[in-house]
Amino acid sequence: MSKVRFTVNVPVYNAENYLHECIDSILNQTFTDFELLLVDDGSTDSSGAICDEYAKKDNRVRVFHNENQGSFATRVFSVNHAEGEYCSFCDSDDYFDADYLERANEMIEKENCDMLVFRHEPVVNGVRQYIKPYWEDKRIFCGEGKKEFYTAMIMSYSFNSLNIKFTKTELFKNDTIDYSQYMFVKNGDDFLQSLYPVFNAKKIVFMPECYYNYRINPDSLTNKVDPNIHNSLFAVWSVTWNNYLNGTDLLGENTKQVFALRSARSAMNIVKLIAQSDNLTDEEKIEVFRSIHNHEFYRDFIEPNLVKSDLEKKWQFVYELFSRHSYKLLLSTVRMLTKIKK
């Protein structure tokens, strides 16, 4: 039997309120040559039963029930079971436009690419919010031209998500990185799982159209921050540097300096988020700051390789206070600036 064109991978965890809309948007696609993998990550609500109901009604649906491991482990599991030529992804509270797979197939047929990248836009209270695309026209990246995509992916957040990518399944299955040591990663896991496919795809095509809708719950937009977020992101940046960028000119002549700048921006953004968080006391925030300072990646890569003048002014100020260990002054300053901004 020949492969189906697409495997749509959906990690499912306690999504009973949105799961029907998600699955229906996939099964009702105008293009039908696909399989749908629903991986129940130890849900405690009715999500697992909903998945089973769909598998009984549609033979394109395969369901797996696992103990709870988190979305990263669930996606790794899912792609290992994928039988489609290309992998696509959808979070269980998001949904596709009806012609998403059809448009993807048309472009893959036309360009014979290894990876096809679209955009996604947030949906707030049922209304899709327009986000200006990184590039406003179609782009094709191959050979030396791929460096432009590497830079865009690493220096911005526009291309982190797996959900906007159609990727040849073999690019996931040929990846030899032992991800078991990174299952603690909760922030940047999409980026981490994208690294091998992006760096090994012979041809990447970007399309500025949007067919993917990701739902934002306004009630979840709080200032609660995971105090261990830096451990996740520093792990991701470490893999990026050690496995893909070290010793290369993939970000230009000063790849190390450019990546140190990107990493420092990320670190200072974490510092700002921690300072603004509502779920941590000042003492706990200061402990997180110390932990960031003492982290091997920050200490051995960011600090010695960052050219401070490369930082934007808003980050220079934060970095100066942080690098001087002026934590209390940093907290009071961020607090004051937040009030002024509001």
C-alpha atoms as a PDB file:
ATOM      1  CA  MET A   1       0.000   0.000   0.000  1.00  0.00           C
ATOM      2  CA  SER A   2       1.227   3.491  -0.821  1.00  0.00           C
ATOM      3  CA  LYS A   3       1.580   6.040   1.932  1.00  0.00           C
ATOM      4  CA  VAL A   4      -1.104   8.579   2.615  1.00  0.00           C
ATOM      5  CA  ARG A   5      -0.063  12.129   1.841  1.00  0.00           C
ATOM      6  CA  PHE A   6      -0.356  13.592   5.341  1.00  0.00           C
ATOM      7  CA  THR A   7      -0.300  12.489   8.932  1.00  0.00           C
ATOM      8  CA  VAL A   8      -2.037  15.060  11.102  1.00  0.00           C
ATOM      9  CA  ASN A   9      -0.700  14.713  14.645  1.00  0.00           C
ATOM     10  CA  VAL A  10      -2.887  15.917  17.514  1.00  0.00           C
ATOM     11  CA  PRO A  11      -1.643  15.627  21.107  1.00  0.00           C
ATOM     12  CA  VAL A  12      -4.703  15.548  23.354  1.00  0.00           C
ATOM     13  CA  TYR A  13      -4.887  16.464  27.016  1.00  0.00           C
ATOM     14  CA  ASN A  14      -8.086  17.493  28.838  1.00  0.00           C
ATOM     15  CA  ALA A  15      -9.496  19.288  25.825  1.00  0.00           C
ATOM     16  CA  GLU A  16     -13.114  18.112  25.933  1.00  0.00           C
ATOM     17  CA  ASN A  17     -14.483  21.647  25.455  1.00  0.00           C
ATOM     18  CA  TYR A  18     -12.735  22.170  22.119  1.00  0.00           C
ATOM     19  CA  LEU A  19     -11.812  18.708  20.873  1.00  0.00           C
ATOM     20  CA  HIS A  20     -14.899  18.166  18.701  1.00  0.00           C
ATOM     21  CA  GLU A  21     -14.274  21.404  16.786  1.00  0.00           C
ATOM     22  CA  CYS A  22     -10.611  20.494  16.353  1.00  0.00           C
ATOM     23  CA  ILE A  23     -11.232  16.975  15.052  1.00  0.00           C
ATOM     24  CA  ASP A  24     -14.188  17.989  12.871  1.00  0.00           C
ATOM     25  CA  SER A  25     -12.093  20.703  11.219  1.00  0.00           C
ATOM     26  CA  ILE A  26      -9.563  18.047  10.237  1.00  0.00           C
ATOM     27  CA  LEU A  27     -11.917  15.268   9.149  1.00  0.00           C
ATOM     28  CA  ASN A  28     -13.980  17.725   7.085  1.00  0.00           C
ATOM     29  CA  GLN A  29     -11.014  18.850   4.998  1.00  0.00           C
ATOM     30  CA  THR A  30     -11.599  19.237   1.256  1.00  0.00           C
ATOM     31  CA  PHE A  31      -8.469  17.093   0.736  1.00  0.00           C
ATOM     32  CA  THR A  32      -8.971  13.592   2.110  1.00  0.00           C
ATOM     33  CA  ASP A  33      -5.716  11.666   1.632  1.00  0.00           C
ATOM     34  CA  PHE A  34      -4.528  11.774   5.228  1.00  0.00           C
ATOM     35  CA  GLU A  35      -4.511   9.930   8.522  1.00  0.00           C
ATOM     36  CA  LEU A  36      -5.288  11.519  11.859  1.00  0.00           C
ATOM     37  CA  LEU A  37      -3.312  10.453  14.925  1.00  0.00           C
ATOM     38  CA  LEU A  38      -4.981  11.347  18.217  1.00  0.00           C
ATOM     39  CA  VAL A  39      -2.595  10.734  21.112  1.00  0.00           C
ATOM     40  CA  ASP A  40      -4.376  10.962  24.446  1.00  0.00           C
ATOM     41  CA  ASP A  41      -1.756  12.120  26.951  1.00  0.00           C
ATOM     42  CA  GLY A  42      -3.393  10.714  30.069  1.00  0.00           C
ATOM     43  CA  SER A  43      -6.473  12.951  29.966  1.00  0.00           C
ATOM     44  CA  THR A  44      -8.644  12.920  33.090  1.00  0.00           C
ATOM     45  CA  ASP A  45     -11.744  14.302  31.374  1.00  0.00           C
ATOM     46  CA  SER A  46     -13.760  12.804  28.502  1.00  0.00           C
ATOM     47  CA  SER A  47     -11.121  13.571  25.838  1.00  0.00           C
ATOM     48  CA  GLY A  48      -9.989   9.960  25.522  1.00  0.00           C
ATOM     49  CA  ALA A  49     -13.547   8.736  25.004  1.00  0.00           C
ATOM     50  CA  ILE A  50     -14.162  11.439  22.390  1.00  0.00           C
ATOM     51  CA  CYS A  51     -11.092  10.263  20.480  1.00  0.00           C
ATOM     52  CA  ASP A  52     -12.356   6.669  20.542  1.00  0.00           C
ATOM     53  CA  GLU A  53     -15.745   7.745  19.222  1.00  0.00           C
ATOM     54  CA  TYR A  54     -14.147   9.304  16.153  1.00  0.00           C
ATOM     55  CA  ALA A  55     -11.951   6.244  15.537  1.00  0.00           C
ATOM     56  CA  LYS A  56     -15.090   4.074  15.407  1.00  0.00           C
ATOM     57  CA  LYS A  57     -16.697   6.336  12.803  1.00  0.00           C
ATOM     58  CA  ASP A  58     -13.727   7.125  10.520  1.00  0.00           C
ATOM     59  CA  ASN A  59     -10.993   4.668   9.523  1.00  0.00           C
ATOM     60  CA  ARG A  60      -8.558   7.525   8.919  1.00  0.00           C
ATOM     61  CA  VAL A  61      -8.378   8.037  12.693  1.00  0.00           C
ATOM     62  CA  ARG A  62      -5.894   6.181  14.893  1.00  0.00           C
ATOM     63  CA  VAL A  63      -5.961   6.656  18.653  1.00  0.00           C
ATOM     64  CA  PHE A  64      -3.290   6.030  21.278  1.00  0.00           C
ATOM     65  CA  HIS A  65      -3.811   6.285  25.026  1.00  0.00           C
ATOM     66  CA  ASN A  66      -0.649   6.995  27.032  1.00  0.00           C
ATOM     67  CA  GLU A  67       0.208   7.978  30.573  1.00  0.00           C
ATOM     68  CA  ASN A  68       0.677  11.708  30.968  1.00  0.00           C
ATOM     69  CA  GLN A  69       4.077  12.778  29.673  1.00  0.00           C
ATOM     70  CA  GLY A  70       3.542  16.287  28.335  1.00  0.00           C
ATOM     71  CA  SER A  71       3.074  17.700  24.845  1.00  0.00           C
ATOM     72  CA  PHE A  72       6.708  17.352  23.788  1.00  0.00           C
ATOM     73  CA  ALA A  73       6.896  13.624  24.551  1.00  0.00           C
ATOM     74  CA  THR A  74       3.463  13.156  22.997  1.00  0.00           C
ATOM     75  CA  ARG A  75       4.514  14.752  19.696  1.00  0.00           C
ATOM     76  CA  VAL A  76       7.709  12.691  19.610  1.00  0.00           C
ATOM     77  CA  PHE A  77       5.627   9.560  20.160  1.00  0.00           C
ATOM     78  CA  SER A  78       3.151  10.597  17.497  1.00  0.00           C
ATOM     79  CA  VAL A  79       5.650  11.232  14.695  1.00  0.00           C
ATOM     80  CA  ASN A  80       7.296   7.891  15.442  1.00  0.00           C
ATOM     81  CA  HIS A  81       3.948   6.276  14.563  1.00  0.00           C
ATOM     82  CA  ALA A  82       3.210   8.481  11.565  1.00  0.00           C
ATOM     83  CA  GLU A  83       2.719   6.727   8.235  1.00  0.00           C
ATOM     84  CA  GLY A  84       2.072   9.757   6.027  1.00  0.00           C
ATOM     85  CA  GLU A  85       4.586  11.229   3.614  1.00  0.00           C
ATOM     86  CA  TYR A  86       4.367  14.581   5.406  1.00  0.00           C
ATOM     87  CA  CYS A  87       3.583  15.425   9.017  1.00  0.00           C
ATOM     88  CA  SER A  88       1.302  18.228  10.110  1.00  0.00           C
ATOM     89  CA  PHE A  89       0.340  19.169  13.670  1.00  0.00           C
ATOM     90  CA  CYS A  90      -2.662  20.645  15.436  1.00  0.00           C
ATOM     91  CA  ASP A  91      -3.131  21.410  19.128  1.00  0.00           C
ATOM     92  CA  SER A  92      -6.340  19.948  20.507  1.00  0.00           C
ATOM     93  CA  ASP A  93      -7.947  23.344  21.199  1.00  0.00           C
ATOM     94  CA  ASP A  94      -7.083  24.769  17.755  1.00  0.00           C
ATOM     95  CA  TYR A  95      -8.616  24.133  14.337  1.00  0.00           C
ATOM     96  CA  PHE A  96      -7.903  24.151  10.587  1.00  0.00           C
ATOM     97  CA  ASP A  97      -9.587  26.107   7.823  1.00  0.00           C
ATOM     98  CA  ALA A  98     -11.463  23.643   5.590  1.00  0.00           C
ATOM     99  CA  ASP A  99      -9.005  23.857   2.666  1.00  0.00           C
ATOM    100  CA  TYR A 100      -5.760  23.824   4.657  1.00  0.00           C
ATOM    101  CA  LEU A 101      -4.583  20.386   3.523  1.00  0.00           C
ATOM    102  CA  GLU A 102      -5.709  21.018  -0.039  1.00  0.00           C
ATOM    103  CA  ARG A 103      -3.660  24.223  -0.267  1.00  0.00           C
ATOM    104  CA  ALA A 104      -0.676  22.484   1.296  1.00  0.00           C
ATOM    105  CA  ASN A 105      -0.876  19.591  -1.140  1.00  0.00           C
ATOM    106  CA  GLU A 106      -1.107  21.948  -4.121  1.00  0.00           C
ATOM    107  CA  MET A 107       2.064  23.774  -3.075  1.00  0.00           C
ATOM    108  CA  ILE A 108       3.956  20.572  -2.282  1.00  0.00           C
ATOM    109  CA  GLU A 109       2.999  19.190  -5.685  1.00  0.00           C
ATOM    110  CA  LYS A 110       4.164  22.386  -7.363  1.00  0.00           C
ATOM    111  CA  GLU A 111       7.438  22.902  -5.490  1.00  0.00           C
ATOM    112  CA  ASN A 112       8.415  19.355  -4.444  1.00  0.00           C
ATOM    113  CA  CYS A 113       9.663  20.774  -1.148  1.00  0.00           C
ATOM    114  CA  ASP A 114      10.751  19.011   2.026  1.00  0.00           C
ATOM    115  CA  MET A 115       9.078  21.560   4.270  1.00  0.00           C
ATOM    116  CA  LEU A 116       6.189  23.934   3.674  1.00  0.00           C
ATOM    117  CA  VAL A 117       5.602  26.761   6.137  1.00  0.00           C
ATOM    118  CA  PHE A 118       2.417  28.804   6.471  1.00  0.00           C
ATOM    119  CA  ARG A 119       1.286  31.310   9.103  1.00  0.00           C
ATOM    120  CA  HIS A 120      -1.150  30.976  11.951  1.00  0.00           C
ATOM    121  CA  GLU A 121      -3.263  33.615  13.641  1.00  0.00           C
ATOM    122  CA  PRO A 122      -4.771  33.788  17.123  1.00  0.00           C
ATOM    123  CA  VAL A 123      -8.483  33.491  17.777  1.00  0.00           C
ATOM    124  CA  VAL A 124      -9.800  35.472  20.752  1.00  0.00           C
ATOM    125  CA  ASN A 125     -13.451  35.031  21.712  1.00  0.00           C
ATOM    126  CA  GLY A 126     -14.157  33.471  18.326  1.00  0.00           C
ATOM    127  CA  VAL A 127     -12.571  36.291  16.314  1.00  0.00           C
ATOM    128  CA  ARG A 128      -9.384  35.716  14.315  1.00  0.00           C
ATOM    129  CA  GLN A 129      -6.780  38.418  14.863  1.00  0.00           C
ATOM    130  CA  TYR A 130      -4.664  39.521  11.897  1.00  0.00           C
ATOM    131  CA  ILE A 131      -0.912  39.205  12.378  1.00  0.00           C
ATOM    132  CA  LYS A 132       1.364  40.735   9.763  1.00  0.00           C
ATOM    133  CA  PRO A 133       3.486  38.002   8.133  1.00  0.00           C
ATOM    134  CA  TYR A 134       7.260  37.974   8.505  1.00  0.00           C
ATOM    135  CA  TRP A 135       7.479  38.007   4.714  1.00  0.00           C
ATOM    136  CA  GLU A 136       4.520  39.235   2.693  1.00  0.00           C
ATOM    137  CA  ASP A 137       5.244  37.108  -0.366  1.00  0.00           C
ATOM    138  CA  LYS A 138       6.123  33.523  -1.190  1.00  0.00           C
ATOM    139  CA  ARG A 139       9.741  32.584  -0.430  1.00  0.00           C
ATOM    140  CA  ILE A 140      11.781  29.557  -1.478  1.00  0.00           C
ATOM    141  CA  PHE A 141      14.888  28.566   0.491  1.00  0.00           C
ATOM    142  CA  CYS A 142      17.447  26.017  -0.697  1.00  0.00           C
ATOM    143  CA  GLY A 143      21.225  25.702  -0.741  1.00  0.00           C
ATOM    144  CA  GLU A 144      22.973  28.820   0.579  1.00  0.00           C
ATOM    145  CA  GLY A 145      19.623  30.591   0.514  1.00  0.00           C
ATOM    146  CA  LYS A 146      18.505  28.566   3.534  1.00  0.00           C
ATOM    147  CA  LYS A 147      20.639  30.811   5.740  1.00  0.00           C
ATOM    148  CA  GLU A 148      17.977  33.492   5.460  1.00  0.00           C
ATOM    149  CA  PHE A 149      15.384  31.114   6.887  1.00  0.00           C
ATOM    150  CA  TYR A 150      17.740  29.988   9.677  1.00  0.00           C
ATOM    151  CA  THR A 151      18.227  33.605  10.701  1.00  0.00           C
ATOM    152  CA  ALA A 152      14.499  34.350  10.604  1.00  0.00           C
ATOM    153  CA  MET A 153      13.646  31.247  12.627  1.00  0.00           C
ATOM    154  CA  ILE A 154      16.325  31.793  15.263  1.00  0.00           C
ATOM    155  CA  MET A 155      16.167  35.574  15.606  1.00  0.00           C
ATOM    156  CA  SER A 156      12.365  35.856  15.726  1.00  0.00           C
ATOM    157  CA  TYR A 157       9.466  33.823  17.116  1.00  0.00           C
ATOM    158  CA  SER A 158       7.637  33.673  13.780  1.00  0.00           C
ATOM    159  CA  PHE A 159       8.614  30.137  12.780  1.00  0.00           C
ATOM    160  CA  ASN A 160       8.960  28.278  16.079  1.00  0.00           C
ATOM    161  CA  SER A 161       5.657  26.418  15.946  1.00  0.00           C
ATOM    162  CA  LEU A 162       5.388  22.941  14.443  1.00  0.00           C
ATOM    163  CA  ASN A 163       1.736  23.669  13.736  1.00  0.00           C
ATOM    164  CA  ILE A 164       2.520  25.904  10.762  1.00  0.00           C
ATOM    165  CA  LYS A 165       4.887  23.402   9.141  1.00  0.00           C
ATOM    166  CA  PHE A 166       4.281  20.495   6.766  1.00  0.00           C
ATOM    167  CA  THR A 167       7.417  18.401   7.086  1.00  0.00           C
ATOM    168  CA  LYS A 168       8.573  15.234   5.360  1.00  0.00           C
ATOM    169  CA  THR A 169       8.081  12.526   7.941  1.00  0.00           C
ATOM    170  CA  GLU A 170      11.469  10.993   7.192  1.00  0.00           C
ATOM    171  CA  LEU A 171      13.116  14.183   8.468  1.00  0.00           C
ATOM    172  CA  PHE A 172      11.701  13.468  11.914  1.00  0.00           C
ATOM    173  CA  LYS A 173      12.501   9.771  11.785  1.00  0.00           C
ATOM    174  CA  ASN A 174      16.101  10.363  10.678  1.00  0.00           C
ATOM    175  CA  ASP A 175      16.750  12.607  13.688  1.00  0.00           C
ATOM    176  CA  THR A 176      19.151  10.785  16.037  1.00  0.00           C
ATOM    177  CA  ILE A 177      19.050  13.217  18.980  1.00  0.00           C
ATOM    178  CA  ASP A 178      18.070  11.456  22.198  1.00  0.00           C
ATOM    179  CA  TYR A 179      15.121  13.595  23.218  1.00  0.00           C
ATOM    180  CA  SER A 180      14.505  11.604  26.400  1.00  0.00           C
ATOM    181  CA  GLN A 181      16.926  13.938  28.198  1.00  0.00           C
ATOM    182  CA  TYR A 182      14.852  16.967  27.160  1.00  0.00           C
ATOM    183  CA  MET A 183      11.384  15.846  28.158  1.00  0.00           C
ATOM    184  CA  PHE A 184      11.407  18.469  30.932  1.00  0.00           C
ATOM    185  CA  VAL A 185      11.351  21.198  28.278  1.00  0.00           C
ATOM    186  CA  LYS A 186       7.999  23.006  28.318  1.00  0.00           C
ATOM    187  CA  ASN A 187       8.961  26.223  26.528  1.00  0.00           C
ATOM    188  CA  GLY A 188      10.647  26.057  23.149  1.00  0.00           C
ATOM    189  CA  ASP A 189       9.855  22.386  22.578  1.00  0.00           C
ATOM    190  CA  ASP A 190       8.305  23.125  19.162  1.00  0.00           C
ATOM    191  CA  PHE A 191      11.503  24.891  18.177  1.00  0.00           C
ATOM    192  CA  LEU A 192      13.626  22.030  19.502  1.00  0.00           C
ATOM    193  CA  GLN A 193      11.702  19.414  17.524  1.00  0.00           C
ATOM    194  CA  SER A 194      11.889  21.621  14.408  1.00  0.00           C
ATOM    195  CA  LEU A 195      15.674  21.945  14.415  1.00  0.00           C
ATOM    196  CA  TYR A 196      16.682  18.723  12.665  1.00  0.00           C
ATOM    197  CA  PRO A 197      14.003  18.965   9.943  1.00  0.00           C
ATOM    198  CA  VAL A 198      14.767  22.625   9.223  1.00  0.00           C
ATOM    199  CA  PHE A 199      18.527  22.179   9.065  1.00  0.00           C
ATOM    200  CA  ASN A 200      18.270  19.015   6.959  1.00  0.00           C
ATOM    201  CA  ALA A 201      15.459  19.959   4.584  1.00  0.00           C
ATOM    202  CA  LYS A 202      16.841  20.489   1.083  1.00  0.00           C
ATOM    203  CA  LYS A 203      14.056  22.889   0.136  1.00  0.00           C
ATOM    204  CA  ILE A 204      11.804  25.012   2.356  1.00  0.00           C
ATOM    205  CA  VAL A 205       8.881  27.022   1.018  1.00  0.00           C
ATOM    206  CA  PHE A 206       7.175  29.816   2.941  1.00  0.00           C
ATOM    207  CA  MET A 207       3.662  30.952   2.083  1.00  0.00           C
ATOM    208  CA  PRO A 208       2.190  34.092   3.703  1.00  0.00           C
ATOM    209  CA  GLU A 209      -1.344  32.666   3.798  1.00  0.00           C
ATOM    210  CA  CYS A 210      -3.005  31.605   7.051  1.00  0.00           C
ATOM    211  CA  TYR A 211      -5.169  28.484   7.378  1.00  0.00           C
ATOM    212  CA  TYR A 212      -4.429  27.574  11.001  1.00  0.00           C
ATOM    213  CA  ASN A 213      -6.316  29.060  13.939  1.00  0.00           C
ATOM    214  CA  TYR A 214      -4.863  28.907  17.423  1.00  0.00           C
ATOM    215  CA  ARG A 215      -7.199  29.658  20.261  1.00  0.00           C
ATOM    216  CA  ILE A 216      -6.241  32.070  23.026  1.00  0.00           C
ATOM    217  CA  ASN A 217      -8.240  31.946  26.222  1.00  0.00           C
ATOM    218  CA  PRO A 218      -8.375  35.512  27.612  1.00  0.00           C
ATOM    219  CA  ASP A 219      -8.719  34.083  31.130  1.00  0.00           C
ATOM    220  CA  SER A 220      -5.308  32.404  30.769  1.00  0.00           C
ATOM    221  CA  LEU A 221      -3.518  35.667  29.953  1.00  0.00           C
ATOM    222  CA  THR A 222      -2.210  36.222  33.475  1.00  0.00           C
ATOM    223  CA  ASN A 223       1.187  37.106  34.883  1.00  0.00           C
ATOM    224  CA  LYS A 224       1.792  33.611  36.239  1.00  0.00           C
ATOM    225  CA  VAL A 225       5.213  32.434  35.088  1.00  0.00           C
ATOM    226  CA  ASP A 226       6.952  29.081  35.442  1.00  0.00           C
ATOM    227  CA  PRO A 227      10.006  29.794  37.642  1.00  0.00           C
ATOM    228  CA  ASN A 228      11.932  27.109  35.740  1.00  0.00           C
ATOM    229  CA  ILE A 229      11.269  28.533  32.287  1.00  0.00           C
ATOM    230  CA  HIS A 230      14.945  29.448  31.846  1.00  0.00           C
ATOM    231  CA  ASN A 231      16.014  25.811  32.218  1.00  0.00           C
ATOM    232  CA  SER A 232      13.820  24.867  29.260  1.00  0.00           C
ATOM    233  CA  LEU A 233      14.930  27.690  27.002  1.00  0.00           C
ATOM    234  CA  PHE A 234      18.618  27.407  27.848  1.00  0.00           C
ATOM    235  CA  ALA A 235      18.450  23.677  27.065  1.00  0.00           C
ATOM    236  CA  VAL A 236      16.911  24.483  23.674  1.00  0.00           C
ATOM    237  CA  TRP A 237      19.507  27.157  22.932  1.00  0.00           C
ATOM    238  CA  SER A 238      22.306  24.783  23.996  1.00  0.00           C
ATOM    239  CA  VAL A 239      21.153  22.145  21.499  1.00  0.00           C
ATOM    240  CA  THR A 240      20.816  24.813  18.819  1.00  0.00           C
ATOM    241  CA  TRP A 241      24.367  26.017  19.358  1.00  0.00           C
ATOM    242  CA  ASN A 242      26.125  22.718  20.002  1.00  0.00           C
ATOM    243  CA  ASN A 243      24.370  20.644  17.325  1.00  0.00           C
ATOM    244  CA  TYR A 244      23.730  23.142  14.536  1.00  0.00           C
ATOM    245  CA  LEU A 245      25.500  26.503  14.743  1.00  0.00           C
ATOM    246  CA  ASN A 246      28.868  25.993  16.426  1.00  0.00           C
ATOM    247  CA  GLY A 247      31.697  26.368  13.929  1.00  0.00           C
ATOM    248  CA  THR A 248      29.417  27.587  11.123  1.00  0.00           C
ATOM    249  CA  ASP A 249      28.566  30.869   9.419  1.00  0.00           C
ATOM    250  CA  LEU A 250      24.864  30.018   9.217  1.00  0.00           C
ATOM    251  CA  LEU A 251      23.898  33.325  10.869  1.00  0.00           C
ATOM    252  CA  GLY A 252      26.556  35.280   8.997  1.00  0.00           C
ATOM    253  CA  GLU A 253      30.237  35.957   9.610  1.00  0.00           C
ATOM    254  CA  ASN A 254      29.687  36.530  13.344  1.00  0.00           C
ATOM    255  CA  THR A 255      27.392  33.586  14.052  1.00  0.00           C
ATOM    256  CA  LYS A 256      28.535  33.234  17.676  1.00  0.00           C
ATOM    257  CA  GLN A 257      27.989  36.931  18.391  1.00  0.00           C
ATOM    258  CA  VAL A 258      24.597  36.932  16.668  1.00  0.00           C
ATOM    259  CA  PHE A 259      23.419  33.862  18.568  1.00  0.00           C
ATOM    260  CA  ALA A 260      24.685  35.270  21.869  1.00  0.00           C
ATOM    261  CA  LEU A 261      22.576  38.356  21.150  1.00  0.00           C
ATOM    262  CA  ARG A 262      19.503  36.212  20.468  1.00  0.00           C
ATOM    263  CA  SER A 263      20.075  34.200  23.613  1.00  0.00           C
ATOM    264  CA  ALA A 264      20.600  37.324  25.712  1.00  0.00           C
ATOM    265  CA  ARG A 265      17.339  38.818  24.454  1.00  0.00           C
ATOM    266  CA  SER A 266      15.585  35.603  25.433  1.00  0.00           C
ATOM    267  CA  ALA A 267      17.224  35.622  28.866  1.00  0.00           C
ATOM    268  CA  MET A 268      16.322  39.263  29.520  1.00  0.00           C
ATOM    269  CA  ASN A 269      12.749  38.630  28.436  1.00  0.00           C
ATOM    270  CA  ILE A 270      12.593  35.821  31.000  1.00  0.00           C
ATOM    271  CA  VAL A 271      14.005  38.164  33.648  1.00  0.00           C
ATOM    272  CA  LYS A 272      11.321  40.727  32.815  1.00  0.00           C
ATOM    273  CA  LEU A 273       8.546  38.098  32.901  1.00  0.00           C
ATOM    274  CA  ILE A 274       9.765  36.830  36.267  1.00  0.00           C
ATOM    275  CA  ALA A 275       9.919  40.391  37.616  1.00  0.00           C
ATOM    276  CA  GLN A 276       6.320  41.019  36.489  1.00  0.00           C
ATOM    277  CA  SER A 277       4.921  37.684  37.663  1.00  0.00           C
ATOM    278  CA  ASP A 278       2.099  37.526  40.185  1.00  0.00           C
ATOM    279  CA  ASN A 279       2.729  34.008  41.455  1.00  0.00           C
ATOM    280  CA  LEU A 280       6.190  34.557  42.971  1.00  0.00           C
ATOM    281  CA  THR A 281       7.352  36.526  45.994  1.00  0.00           C
ATOM    282  CA  ASP A 282      10.257  38.939  45.603  1.00  0.00           C
ATOM    283  CA  GLU A 283      12.507  36.471  47.413  1.00  0.00           C
ATOM    284  CA  GLU A 284      11.496  33.711  44.989  1.00  0.00           C
ATOM    285  CA  LYS A 285      12.092  35.994  42.028  1.00  0.00           C
ATOM    286  CA  ILE A 286      15.584  36.810  43.245  1.00  0.00           C
ATOM    287  CA  GLU A 287      16.317  33.102  43.610  1.00  0.00           C
ATOM    288  CA  VAL A 288      15.279  32.615  39.968  1.00  0.00           C
ATOM    289  CA  PHE A 289      17.569  35.480  38.923  1.00  0.00           C
ATOM    290  CA  ARG A 290      20.458  33.800  40.733  1.00  0.00           C
ATOM    291  CA  SER A 291      19.628  30.512  39.055  1.00  0.00           C
ATOM    292  CA  ILE A 292      19.720  32.181  35.630  1.00  0.00           C
ATOM    293  CA  HIS A 293      23.058  33.784  36.437  1.00  0.00           C
ATOM    294  CA  ASN A 294      24.525  30.465  37.560  1.00  0.00           C
ATOM    295  CA  HIS A 295      23.195  28.441  34.630  1.00  0.00           C
ATOM    296  CA  GLU A 296      26.007  26.949  32.559  1.00  0.00           C
ATOM    297  CA  PHE A 297      24.673  28.299  29.260  1.00  0.00           C
ATOM    298  CA  TYR A 298      24.279  31.838  30.589  1.00  0.00           C
ATOM    299  CA  ARG A 299      27.645  31.810  32.362  1.00  0.00           C
ATOM    300  CA  ASP A 300      29.725  30.098  29.672  1.00  0.00           C
ATOM    301  CA  PHE A 301      28.062  31.260  26.461  1.00  0.00           C
ATOM    302  CA  ILE A 302      25.919  34.377  26.805  1.00  0.00           C
ATOM    303  CA  GLU A 303      28.080  36.497  29.098  1.00  0.00           C
ATOM    304  CA  PRO A 304      31.449  35.957  27.357  1.00  0.00           C
ATOM    305  CA  ASN A 305      30.105  36.304  23.803  1.00  0.00           C
ATOM    306  CA  LEU A 306      27.528  39.075  24.077  1.00  0.00           C
ATOM    307  CA  VAL A 307      28.404  42.503  22.709  1.00  0.00           C
ATOM    308  CA  LYS A 308      26.287  44.633  25.050  1.00  0.00           C
ATOM    309  CA  SER A 309      25.933  47.494  22.563  1.00  0.00           C
ATOM    310  CA  ASP A 310      24.121  45.109  20.188  1.00  0.00           C
ATOM    311  CA  LEU A 311      21.207  44.854  22.615  1.00  0.00           C
ATOM    312  CA  GLU A 312      18.232  47.130  22.042  1.00  0.00           C
ATOM    313  CA  LYS A 313      17.995  49.932  24.601  1.00  0.00           C
ATOM    314  CA  LYS A 314      15.066  48.325  26.427  1.00  0.00           C
ATOM    315  CA  TRP A 315      17.184  45.223  27.056  1.00  0.00           C
ATOM    316  CA  GLN A 316      20.437  47.098  27.772  1.00  0.00           C
ATOM    317  CA  PHE A 317      18.874  48.618  30.859  1.00  0.00           C
ATOM    318  CA  VAL A 318      17.552  45.289  32.137  1.00  0.00           C
ATOM    319  CA  TYR A 319      20.847  43.561  31.333  1.00  0.00           C
ATOM    320  CA  GLU A 320      22.883  46.215  33.137  1.00  0.00           C
ATOM    321  CA  LEU A 321      20.923  45.824  36.362  1.00  0.00           C
ATOM    322  CA  PHE A 322      20.845  42.056  36.043  1.00  0.00           C
ATOM    323  CA  SER A 323      24.559  41.672  35.295  1.00  0.00           C
ATOM    324  CA  ARG A 324      25.389  43.821  38.332  1.00  0.00           C
ATOM    325  CA  HIS A 325      23.216  41.554  40.513  1.00  0.00           C
ATOM    326  CA  SER A 326      21.098  44.608  41.375  1.00  0.00           C
ATOM    327  CA  TYR A 327      18.049  42.410  41.747  1.00  0.00           C
ATOM    328  CA  LYS A 328      15.998  44.532  44.138  1.00  0.00           C
ATOM    329  CA  LEU A 329      16.515  47.641  42.029  1.00  0.00           C
ATOM    330  CA  LEU A 330      15.599  45.607  38.952  1.00  0.00           C
ATOM    331  CA  LEU A 331      12.341  44.464  40.556  1.00  0.00           C
ATOM    332  CA  SER A 332      11.310  47.932  41.676  1.00  0.00           C
ATOM    333  CA  THR A 333      12.203  49.468  38.303  1.00  0.00           C
ATOM    334  CA  VAL A 334      10.256  46.893  36.291  1.00  0.00           C
ATOM    335  CA  ARG A 335       7.324  47.299  38.659  1.00  0.00           C
ATOM    336  CA  MET A 336       7.357  51.069  38.195  1.00  0.00           C
ATOM    337  CA  LEU A 337       7.664  50.866  34.397  1.00  0.00           C
ATOM    338  CA  THR A 338       4.802  48.351  34.249  1.00  0.00           C
ATOM    339  CA  LYS A 339       2.531  50.724  36.170  1.00  0.00           C
ATOM    340  CA  ILE A 340       3.493  53.637  33.894  1.00  0.00           C
ATOM    341  CA  LYS A 341       2.786  51.541  30.799  1.00  0.00           C
ATOM    342  CA  LYS A 342      -0.650  50.557  32.125  1.00  0.00           C
END
